[in-house]
Amino acid sequence: MDINIKSMVSSTALSRSFGKYLKVAKETPVFIIKNNEVTGVLLNIDTYKELVEAYELMQDTKLAREVFEQPTVNPLEKDVFEVMREVEARDNVPG
């Protein structure tokens, strides 16, 4: 994806002409600038859904990889769902 000056808008300009930039976002992401830094992106809903779906697929793939990388010897006789819960719990611990 190319980020060019035409796809950038200041937060002030966005707030003054939101409808205009909402139309632009239907075709291409609009990068929101505040204090000379990109602070947000305005996307159309289909692009957002695609990004969420891709992210969830990556998370599922990561979890599956960790489950299948577990040793084949199972001295504790854990089933695959128990191992998945342990991996999820470990990854959700703040730290």
PDB file of N, CA and C in Angstrom:
ATOM      1  N   MET A   1       0.847  -1.170   0.000  1.00  0.00           N
ATOM      2  CA  MET A   1       0.000   0.000   0.000  1.00  0.00           C
ATOM      3  C   MET A   1       0.891   1.232   0.000  1.00  0.00           C
ATOM      4  N   ASP A   2       0.592   2.125  -0.890  1.00  0.00           N
ATOM      5  CA  ASP A   2       1.339   3.370  -0.960  1.00  0.00           C
ATOM      6  C   ASP A   2       0.712   4.407  -0.040  1.00  0.00           C
ATOM      7  N   ILE A   3       1.570   5.102   0.686  1.00  0.00           N
ATOM      8  CA  ILE A   3       1.116   6.226   1.496  1.00  0.00           C
ATOM      9  C   ILE A   3       1.679   7.468   0.844  1.00  0.00           C
ATOM     10  N   ASN A   4       0.794   8.291   0.299  1.00  0.00           N
ATOM     11  CA  ASN A   4       1.271   9.518  -0.325  1.00  0.00           C
ATOM     12  C   ASN A   4       0.575  10.712   0.317  1.00  0.00           C
ATOM     13  N   ILE A   5       1.020  11.861  -0.037  1.00  0.00           N
ATOM     14  CA  ILE A   5       0.521  13.093   0.572  1.00  0.00           C
ATOM     15  C   ILE A   5      -0.980  13.268   0.337  1.00  0.00           C
ATOM     16  N   LYS A   6      -1.490  12.748  -0.761  1.00  0.00           N
ATOM     17  CA  LYS A   6      -2.924  12.869  -1.059  1.00  0.00           C
ATOM     18  C   LYS A   6      -3.786  12.017  -0.137  1.00  0.00           C
ATOM     19  N   SER A   7      -3.194  11.014   0.490  1.00  0.00           N
ATOM     20  CA  SER A   7      -3.967  10.148   1.380  1.00  0.00           C
ATOM     21  C   SER A   7      -3.825  10.555   2.844  1.00  0.00           C
ATOM     22  N   MET A   8      -3.230  11.718   3.088  1.00  0.00           N
ATOM     23  CA  MET A   8      -3.053  12.207   4.456  1.00  0.00           C
ATOM     24  C   MET A   8      -3.932  13.429   4.701  1.00  0.00           C
ATOM     25  N   VAL A   9      -4.424  13.547   5.932  1.00  0.00           N
ATOM     26  CA  VAL A   9      -5.254  14.680   6.304  1.00  0.00           C
ATOM     27  C   VAL A   9      -4.978  15.027   7.764  1.00  0.00           C
ATOM     28  N   SER A  10      -4.979  16.308   8.065  1.00  0.00           N
ATOM     29  CA  SER A  10      -4.793  16.707   9.455  1.00  0.00           C
ATOM     30  C   SER A  10      -6.072  16.401  10.237  1.00  0.00           C
ATOM     31  N   SER A  11      -5.931  16.216  11.521  1.00  0.00           N
ATOM     32  CA  SER A  11      -7.104  15.930  12.346  1.00  0.00           C
ATOM     33  C   SER A  11      -8.078  17.105  12.308  1.00  0.00           C
ATOM     34  N   THR A  12      -7.559  18.314  12.203  1.00  0.00           N
ATOM     35  CA  THR A  12      -8.412  19.501  12.116  1.00  0.00           C
ATOM     36  C   THR A  12      -9.230  19.484  10.831  1.00  0.00           C
ATOM     37  N   ALA A  13      -8.559  19.232   9.701  1.00  0.00           N
ATOM     38  CA  ALA A  13      -9.264  19.186   8.416  1.00  0.00           C
ATOM     39  C   ALA A  13     -10.293  18.056   8.409  1.00  0.00           C
ATOM     40  N   LEU A  14      -9.951  16.928   9.011  1.00  0.00           N
ATOM     41  CA  LEU A  14     -10.882  15.804   9.083  1.00  0.00           C
ATOM     42  C   LEU A  14     -12.129  16.194   9.854  1.00  0.00           C
ATOM     43  N   SER A  15     -11.957  16.859  10.979  1.00  0.00           N
ATOM     44  CA  SER A  15     -13.124  17.229  11.789  1.00  0.00           C
ATOM     45  C   SER A  15     -13.991  18.272  11.078  1.00  0.00           C
ATOM     46  N   ARG A  16     -13.389  19.100  10.251  1.00  0.00           N
ATOM     47  CA  ARG A  16     -14.149  20.135   9.529  1.00  0.00           C
ATOM     48  C   ARG A  16     -14.862  19.597   8.292  1.00  0.00           C
ATOM     49  N   SER A  17     -14.307  18.538   7.704  1.00  0.00           N
ATOM     50  CA  SER A  17     -14.874  18.004   6.450  1.00  0.00           C
ATOM     51  C   SER A  17     -14.975  16.488   6.516  1.00  0.00           C
ATOM     52  N   PHE A  18     -15.560  15.981   7.577  1.00  0.00           N
ATOM     53  CA  PHE A  18     -15.596  14.538   7.788  1.00  0.00           C
ATOM     54  C   PHE A  18     -16.247  13.792   6.623  1.00  0.00           C
ATOM     55  N   GLY A  19     -17.375  14.291   6.123  1.00  0.00           N
ATOM     56  CA  GLY A  19     -18.075  13.630   5.022  1.00  0.00           C
ATOM     57  C   GLY A  19     -17.208  13.481   3.786  1.00  0.00           C
ATOM     58  N   LYS A  20     -16.456  14.512   3.489  1.00  0.00           N
ATOM     59  CA  LYS A  20     -15.554  14.481   2.335  1.00  0.00           C
ATOM     60  C   LYS A  20     -14.540  13.344   2.480  1.00  0.00           C
ATOM     61  N   TYR A  21     -13.925  13.240   3.638  1.00  0.00           N
ATOM     62  CA  TYR A  21     -12.891  12.225   3.843  1.00  0.00           C
ATOM     63  C   TYR A  21     -13.487  10.828   4.008  1.00  0.00           C
ATOM     64  N   LEU A  22     -14.721  10.765   4.463  1.00  0.00           N
ATOM     65  CA  LEU A  22     -15.400   9.478   4.532  1.00  0.00           C
ATOM     66  C   LEU A  22     -15.603   8.923   3.120  1.00  0.00           C
ATOM     67  N   LYS A  23     -15.929   9.794   2.183  1.00  0.00           N
ATOM     68  CA  LYS A  23     -16.054   9.374   0.774  1.00  0.00           C
ATOM     69  C   LYS A  23     -14.707   8.906   0.231  1.00  0.00           C
ATOM     70  N   VAL A  24     -13.648   9.650   0.538  1.00  0.00           N
ATOM     71  CA  VAL A  24     -12.310   9.266   0.081  1.00  0.00           C
ATOM     72  C   VAL A  24     -11.941   7.894   0.636  1.00  0.00           C
ATOM     73  N   ALA A  25     -12.293   7.650   1.903  1.00  0.00           N
ATOM     74  CA  ALA A  25     -11.939   6.389   2.563  1.00  0.00           C
ATOM     75  C   ALA A  25     -12.636   5.190   1.938  1.00  0.00           C
ATOM     76  N   LYS A  26     -13.705   5.414   1.192  1.00  0.00           N
ATOM     77  CA  LYS A  26     -14.355   4.298   0.499  1.00  0.00           C
ATOM     78  C   LYS A  26     -13.441   3.717  -0.571  1.00  0.00           C
ATOM     79  N   GLU A  27     -12.528   4.540  -1.085  1.00  0.00           N
ATOM     80  CA  GLU A  27     -11.629   4.111  -2.160  1.00  0.00           C
ATOM     81  C   GLU A  27     -10.216   3.787  -1.674  1.00  0.00           C
ATOM     82  N   THR A  28      -9.743   4.525  -0.672  1.00  0.00           N
ATOM     83  CA  THR A  28      -8.363   4.359  -0.206  1.00  0.00           C
ATOM     84  C   THR A  28      -8.281   4.776   1.264  1.00  0.00           C
ATOM     85  N   PRO A  29      -7.414   4.148   2.048  1.00  0.00           N
ATOM     86  CA  PRO A  29      -7.278   4.563   3.452  1.00  0.00           C
ATOM     87  C   PRO A  29      -6.860   6.031   3.564  1.00  0.00           C
ATOM     88  N   VAL A  30      -7.390   6.710   4.561  1.00  0.00           N
ATOM     89  CA  VAL A  30      -7.037   8.104   4.838  1.00  0.00           C
ATOM     90  C   VAL A  30      -6.229   8.118   6.128  1.00  0.00           C
ATOM     91  N   PHE A  31      -5.003   8.588   6.043  1.00  0.00           N
ATOM     92  CA  PHE A  31      -4.116   8.630   7.201  1.00  0.00           C
ATOM     93  C   PHE A  31      -4.282   9.966   7.911  1.00  0.00           C
ATOM     94  N   ILE A  32      -4.580   9.914   9.197  1.00  0.00           N
ATOM     95  CA  ILE A  32      -4.869  11.107   9.976  1.00  0.00           C
ATOM     96  C   ILE A  32      -3.598  11.566  10.683  1.00  0.00           C
ATOM     97  N   ILE A  33      -3.259  12.839  10.466  1.00  0.00           N
ATOM     98  CA  ILE A  33      -2.025  13.416  10.998  1.00  0.00           C
ATOM     99  C   ILE A  33      -2.348  14.376  12.135  1.00  0.00           C
ATOM    100  N   LYS A  34      -1.616  14.263  13.220  1.00  0.00           N
ATOM    101  CA  LYS A  34      -1.696  15.224  14.312  1.00  0.00           C
ATOM    102  C   LYS A  34      -0.280  15.450  14.820  1.00  0.00           C
ATOM    103  N   ASN A  35       0.109  16.709  14.924  1.00  0.00           N
ATOM    104  CA  ASN A  35       1.472  17.061  15.349  1.00  0.00           C
ATOM    105  C   ASN A  35       2.525  16.363  14.490  1.00  0.00           C
ATOM    106  N   ASN A  36       2.291  16.364  13.175  1.00  0.00           N
ATOM    107  CA  ASN A  36       3.225  15.790  12.201  1.00  0.00           C
ATOM    108  C   ASN A  36       3.468  14.294  12.374  1.00  0.00           C
ATOM    109  N   GLU A  37       2.496  13.602  12.917  1.00  0.00           N
ATOM    110  CA  GLU A  37       2.623  12.163  13.119  1.00  0.00           C
ATOM    111  C   GLU A  37       1.307  11.495  12.738  1.00  0.00           C
ATOM    112  N   VAL A  38       1.391  10.346  12.062  1.00  0.00           N
ATOM    113  CA  VAL A  38       0.180   9.593  11.742  1.00  0.00           C
ATOM    114  C   VAL A  38      -0.354   9.010  13.047  1.00  0.00           C
ATOM    115  N   THR A  39      -1.594   9.379  13.372  1.00  0.00           N
ATOM    116  CA  THR A  39      -2.188   8.928  14.636  1.00  0.00           C
ATOM    117  C   THR A  39      -3.394   8.023  14.431  1.00  0.00           C
ATOM    118  N   GLY A  40      -3.843   7.906  13.198  1.00  0.00           N
ATOM    119  CA  GLY A  40      -4.996   7.061  12.938  1.00  0.00           C
ATOM    120  C   GLY A  40      -5.184   6.843  11.453  1.00  0.00           C
ATOM    121  N   VAL A  41      -6.111   5.932  11.138  1.00  0.00           N
ATOM    122  CA  VAL A  41      -6.418   5.626   9.744  1.00  0.00           C
ATOM    123  C   VAL A  41      -7.928   5.469   9.624  1.00  0.00           C
ATOM    124  N   LEU A  42      -8.500   6.111   8.633  1.00  0.00           N
ATOM    125  CA  LEU A  42      -9.919   5.980   8.332  1.00  0.00           C
ATOM    126  C   LEU A  42     -10.039   4.990   7.181  1.00  0.00           C
ATOM    127  N   LEU A  43     -10.760   3.879   7.428  1.00  0.00           N
ATOM    128  CA  LEU A  43     -10.891   2.809   6.432  1.00  0.00           C
ATOM    129  C   LEU A  43     -12.351   2.575   6.090  1.00  0.00           C
ATOM    130  N   ASN A  44     -12.589   2.018   4.906  1.00  0.00           N
ATOM    131  CA  ASN A  44     -13.956   1.580   4.626  1.00  0.00           C
ATOM    132  C   ASN A  44     -14.196   0.272   5.378  1.00  0.00           C
ATOM    133  N   ILE A  45     -15.434  -0.068   5.596  1.00  0.00           N
ATOM    134  CA  ILE A  45     -15.778  -1.209   6.445  1.00  0.00           C
ATOM    135  C   ILE A  45     -15.277  -2.531   5.865  1.00  0.00           C
ATOM    136  N   ASP A  46     -15.280  -2.668   4.548  1.00  0.00           N
ATOM    137  CA  ASP A  46     -14.813  -3.922   3.951  1.00  0.00           C
ATOM    138  C   ASP A  46     -13.322  -4.146   4.199  1.00  0.00           C
ATOM    139  N   THR A  47     -12.538  -3.092   4.078  1.00  0.00           N
ATOM    140  CA  THR A  47     -11.100  -3.196   4.353  1.00  0.00           C
ATOM    141  C   THR A  47     -10.875  -3.544   5.818  1.00  0.00           C
ATOM    142  N   TYR A  48     -11.633  -2.908   6.702  1.00  0.00           N
ATOM    143  CA  TYR A  48     -11.516  -3.200   8.135  1.00  0.00           C
ATOM    144  C   TYR A  48     -11.838  -4.668   8.408  1.00  0.00           C
ATOM    145  N   LYS A  49     -12.920  -5.170   7.839  1.00  0.00           N
ATOM    146  CA  LYS A  49     -13.310  -6.576   8.050  1.00  0.00           C
ATOM    147  C   LYS A  49     -12.219  -7.521   7.541  1.00  0.00           C
ATOM    148  N   GLU A  50     -11.620  -7.198   6.389  1.00  0.00           N
ATOM    149  CA  GLU A  50     -10.540  -8.024   5.846  1.00  0.00           C
ATOM    150  C   GLU A  50      -9.341  -8.042   6.790  1.00  0.00           C
ATOM    151  N   LEU A  51      -9.004  -6.892   7.346  1.00  0.00           N
ATOM    152  CA  LEU A  51      -7.879  -6.818   8.286  1.00  0.00           C
ATOM    153  C   LEU A  51      -8.156  -7.630   9.545  1.00  0.00           C
ATOM    154  N   VAL A  52      -9.366  -7.519  10.081  1.00  0.00           N
ATOM    155  CA  VAL A  52      -9.724  -8.280  11.282  1.00  0.00           C
ATOM    156  C   VAL A  52      -9.683  -9.774  10.988  1.00  0.00           C
ATOM    157  N   GLU A  53     -10.229 -10.169   9.846  1.00  0.00           N
ATOM    158  CA  GLU A  53     -10.222 -11.583   9.472  1.00  0.00           C
ATOM    159  C   GLU A  53      -8.792 -12.111   9.318  1.00  0.00           C
ATOM    160  N   ALA A  54      -7.930 -11.334   8.674  1.00  0.00           N
ATOM    161  CA  ALA A  54      -6.538 -11.744   8.501  1.00  0.00           C
ATOM    162  C   ALA A  54      -5.830 -11.858   9.841  1.00  0.00           C
ATOM    163  N   TYR A  55      -6.081 -10.898  10.734  1.00  0.00           N
ATOM    164  CA  TYR A  55      -5.466 -10.935  12.064  1.00  0.00           C
ATOM    165  C   TYR A  55      -5.937 -12.173  12.839  1.00  0.00           C
ATOM    166  N   GLU A  56      -7.230 -12.455  12.808  1.00  0.00           N
ATOM    167  CA  GLU A  56      -7.751 -13.623  13.519  1.00  0.00           C
ATOM    168  C   GLU A  56      -7.176 -14.918  12.951  1.00  0.00           C
ATOM    169  N   LEU A  57      -7.021 -14.982  11.638  1.00  0.00           N
ATOM    170  CA  LEU A  57      -6.423 -16.170  11.012  1.00  0.00           C
ATOM    171  C   LEU A  57      -4.977 -16.346  11.466  1.00  0.00           C
ATOM    172  N   MET A  58      -4.245 -15.235  11.549  1.00  0.00           N
ATOM    173  CA  MET A  58      -2.859 -15.307  12.027  1.00  0.00           C
ATOM    174  C   MET A  58      -2.811 -15.798  13.472  1.00  0.00           C
ATOM    175  N   GLN A  59      -3.721 -15.314  14.311  1.00  0.00           N
ATOM    176  CA  GLN A  59      -3.749 -15.739  15.712  1.00  0.00           C
ATOM    177  C   GLN A  59      -4.081 -17.224  15.805  1.00  0.00           C
ATOM    178  N   ASP A  60      -5.057 -17.683  15.007  1.00  0.00           N
ATOM    179  CA  ASP A  60      -5.419 -19.103  14.999  1.00  0.00           C
ATOM    180  C   ASP A  60      -4.249 -19.961  14.532  1.00  0.00           C
ATOM    181  N   THR A  61      -3.523 -19.487  13.517  1.00  0.00           N
ATOM    182  CA  THR A  61      -2.368 -20.221  13.003  1.00  0.00           C
ATOM    183  C   THR A  61      -1.278 -20.311  14.067  1.00  0.00           C
ATOM    184  N   LYS A  62      -1.044 -19.209  14.775  1.00  0.00           N
ATOM    185  CA  LYS A  62      -0.039 -19.197  15.841  1.00  0.00           C
ATOM    186  C   LYS A  62      -0.408 -20.201  16.936  1.00  0.00           C
ATOM    187  N   LEU A  63      -1.674 -20.185  17.338  1.00  0.00           N
ATOM    188  CA  LEU A  63      -2.131 -21.103  18.378  1.00  0.00           C
ATOM    189  C   LEU A  63      -2.002 -22.557  17.913  1.00  0.00           C
ATOM    190  N   ALA A  64      -2.413 -22.833  16.690  1.00  0.00           N
ATOM    191  CA  ALA A  64      -2.321 -24.199  16.161  1.00  0.00           C
ATOM    192  C   ALA A  64      -0.874 -24.660  16.101  1.00  0.00           C
ATOM    193  N   ARG A  65       0.034 -23.770  15.692  1.00  0.00           N
ATOM    194  CA  ARG A  65       1.450 -24.120  15.617  1.00  0.00           C
ATOM    195  C   ARG A  65       1.970 -24.491  17.001  1.00  0.00           C
ATOM    196  N   GLU A  66       1.608 -23.702  18.009  1.00  0.00           N
ATOM    197  CA  GLU A  66       2.071 -23.990  19.371  1.00  0.00           C
ATOM    198  C   GLU A  66       1.513 -25.313  19.875  1.00  0.00           C
ATOM    199  N   VAL A  67       0.262 -25.596  19.554  1.00  0.00           N
ATOM    200  CA  VAL A  67      -0.347 -26.858  19.993  1.00  0.00           C
ATOM    201  C   VAL A  67       0.358 -28.035  19.335  1.00  0.00           C
ATOM    202  N   PHE A  68       0.588 -27.935  18.032  1.00  0.00           N
ATOM    203  CA  PHE A  68       1.191 -29.055  17.319  1.00  0.00           C
ATOM    204  C   PHE A  68       2.684 -29.192  17.585  1.00  0.00           C
ATOM    205  N   GLU A  69       3.313 -28.160  18.143  1.00  0.00           N
ATOM    206  CA  GLU A  69       4.720 -28.256  18.502  1.00  0.00           C
ATOM    207  C   GLU A  69       4.924 -28.860  19.885  1.00  0.00           C
ATOM    208  N   GLN A  70       3.826 -29.164  20.561  1.00  0.00           N
ATOM    209  CA  GLN A  70       3.934 -29.809  21.867  1.00  0.00           C
ATOM    210  C   GLN A  70       4.551 -31.200  21.671  1.00  0.00           C
ATOM    211  N   PRO A  71       5.256 -31.688  22.686  1.00  0.00           N
ATOM    212  CA  PRO A  71       5.866 -33.021  22.562  1.00  0.00           C
ATOM    213  C   PRO A  71       4.796 -34.084  22.271  1.00  0.00           C
ATOM    214  N   THR A  72       5.196 -35.086  21.496  1.00  0.00           N
ATOM    215  CA  THR A  72       4.238 -36.143  21.175  1.00  0.00           C
ATOM    216  C   THR A  72       4.017 -37.067  22.357  1.00  0.00           C
ATOM    217  N   VAL A  73       4.978 -37.116  23.283  1.00  0.00           N
ATOM    218  CA  VAL A  73       4.792 -37.891  24.505  1.00  0.00           C
ATOM    219  C   VAL A  73       3.942 -37.039  25.431  1.00  0.00           C
ATOM    220  N   ASN A  74       2.888 -37.617  25.962  1.00  0.00           N
ATOM    221  CA  ASN A  74       1.945 -36.866  26.783  1.00  0.00           C
ATOM    222  C   ASN A  74       1.849 -37.514  28.164  1.00  0.00           C
ATOM    223  N   PRO A  75       2.854 -37.271  29.032  1.00  0.00           N
ATOM    224  CA  PRO A  75       2.851 -37.944  30.332  1.00  0.00           C
ATOM    225  C   PRO A  75       1.675 -37.538  31.216  1.00  0.00           C
ATOM    226  N   LEU A  76       1.112 -36.366  30.987  1.00  0.00           N
ATOM    227  CA  LEU A  76      -0.016 -35.922  31.807  1.00  0.00           C
ATOM    228  C   LEU A  76      -1.358 -36.273  31.179  1.00  0.00           C
ATOM    229  N   GLU A  77      -1.323 -36.941  30.035  1.00  0.00           N
ATOM    230  CA  GLU A  77      -2.539 -37.364  29.329  1.00  0.00           C
ATOM    231  C   GLU A  77      -3.490 -36.202  29.066  1.00  0.00           C
ATOM    232  N   LYS A  78      -2.931 -35.066  28.654  1.00  0.00           N
ATOM    233  CA  LYS A  78      -3.753 -33.906  28.326  1.00  0.00           C
ATOM    234  C   LYS A  78      -4.315 -34.057  26.916  1.00  0.00           C
ATOM    235  N   ASP A  79      -5.568 -33.612  26.743  1.00  0.00           N
ATOM    236  CA  ASP A  79      -6.093 -33.596  25.382  1.00  0.00           C
ATOM    237  C   ASP A  79      -5.744 -32.263  24.722  1.00  0.00           C
ATOM    238  N   VAL A  80      -5.937 -32.185  23.421  1.00  0.00           N
ATOM    239  CA  VAL A  80      -5.527 -31.010  22.659  1.00  0.00           C
ATOM    240  C   VAL A  80      -6.230 -29.744  23.143  1.00  0.00           C
ATOM    241  N   PHE A  81      -7.475 -29.858  23.597  1.00  0.00           N
ATOM    242  CA  PHE A  81      -8.217 -28.685  24.053  1.00  0.00           C
ATOM    243  C   PHE A  81      -7.661 -28.150  25.373  1.00  0.00           C
ATOM    244  N   GLU A  82      -7.200 -29.036  26.221  1.00  0.00           N
ATOM    245  CA  GLU A  82      -6.579 -28.603  27.475  1.00  0.00           C
ATOM    246  C   GLU A  82      -5.272 -27.860  27.193  1.00  0.00           C
ATOM    247  N   VAL A  83      -4.498 -28.379  26.259  1.00  0.00           N
ATOM    248  CA  VAL A  83      -3.250 -27.715  25.873  1.00  0.00           C
ATOM    249  C   VAL A  83      -3.553 -26.339  25.280  1.00  0.00           C
ATOM    250  N   MET A  84      -4.583 -26.241  24.434  1.00  0.00           N
ATOM    251  CA  MET A  84      -4.963 -24.952  23.834  1.00  0.00           C
ATOM    252  C   MET A  84      -5.362 -23.945  24.915  1.00  0.00           C
ATOM    253  N   ARG A  85      -6.125 -24.391  25.917  1.00  0.00           N
ATOM    254  CA  ARG A  85      -6.514 -23.485  27.004  1.00  0.00           C
ATOM    255  C   ARG A  85      -5.290 -22.996  27.767  1.00  0.00           C
ATOM    256  N   GLU A  86      -4.324 -23.872  27.995  1.00  0.00           N
ATOM    257  CA  GLU A  86      -3.104 -23.473  28.703  1.00  0.00           C
ATOM    258  C   GLU A  86      -2.306 -22.441  27.898  1.00  0.00           C
ATOM    259  N   VAL A  87      -2.204 -22.649  26.594  1.00  0.00           N
ATOM    260  CA  VAL A  87      -1.475 -21.707  25.738  1.00  0.00           C
ATOM    261  C   VAL A  87      -2.189 -20.363  25.734  1.00  0.00           C
ATOM    262  N   GLU A  88      -3.502 -20.360  25.581  1.00  0.00           N
ATOM    263  CA  GLU A  88      -4.270 -19.115  25.590  1.00  0.00           C
ATOM    264  C   GLU A  88      -4.134 -18.396  26.924  1.00  0.00           C
ATOM    265  N   ALA A  89      -4.198 -19.137  28.029  1.00  0.00           N
ATOM    266  CA  ALA A  89      -4.079 -18.532  29.353  1.00  0.00           C
ATOM    267  C   ALA A  89      -2.693 -17.910  29.524  1.00  0.00           C
ATOM    268  N   ARG A  90      -1.667 -18.602  29.050  1.00  0.00           N
ATOM    269  CA  ARG A  90      -0.309 -18.078  29.162  1.00  0.00           C
ATOM    270  C   ARG A  90      -0.157 -16.790  28.364  1.00  0.00           C
ATOM    271  N   ASP A  91      -0.741 -16.756  27.157  1.00  0.00           N
ATOM    272  CA  ASP A  91      -0.615 -15.577  26.296  1.00  0.00           C
ATOM    273  C   ASP A  91      -1.457 -14.410  26.792  1.00  0.00           C
ATOM    274  N   ASN A  92      -2.465 -14.656  27.603  1.00  0.00           N
ATOM    275  CA  ASN A  92      -3.348 -13.594  28.089  1.00  0.00           C
ATOM    276  C   ASN A  92      -2.925 -13.044  29.444  1.00  0.00           C
ATOM    277  N   VAL A  93      -1.839 -13.559  29.987  1.00  0.00           N
ATOM    278  CA  VAL A  93      -1.344 -13.065  31.270  1.00  0.00           C
ATOM    279  C   VAL A  93      -0.668 -11.719  31.044  1.00  0.00           C
ATOM    280  N   PRO A  94      -1.100 -10.653  31.773  1.00  0.00           N
ATOM    281  CA  PRO A  94      -0.433  -9.351  31.603  1.00  0.00           C
ATOM    282  C   PRO A  94       1.021  -9.440  32.037  1.00  0.00           C
ATOM    283  N   GLY A  95       1.844  -8.741  31.303  1.00  0.00           N
ATOM    284  CA  GLY A  95       3.234  -8.801  31.708  1.00  0.00           C
ATOM    285  C   GLY A  95       4.117  -8.056  30.878  1.00  0.00           C
TER     286      GLY A  95
END
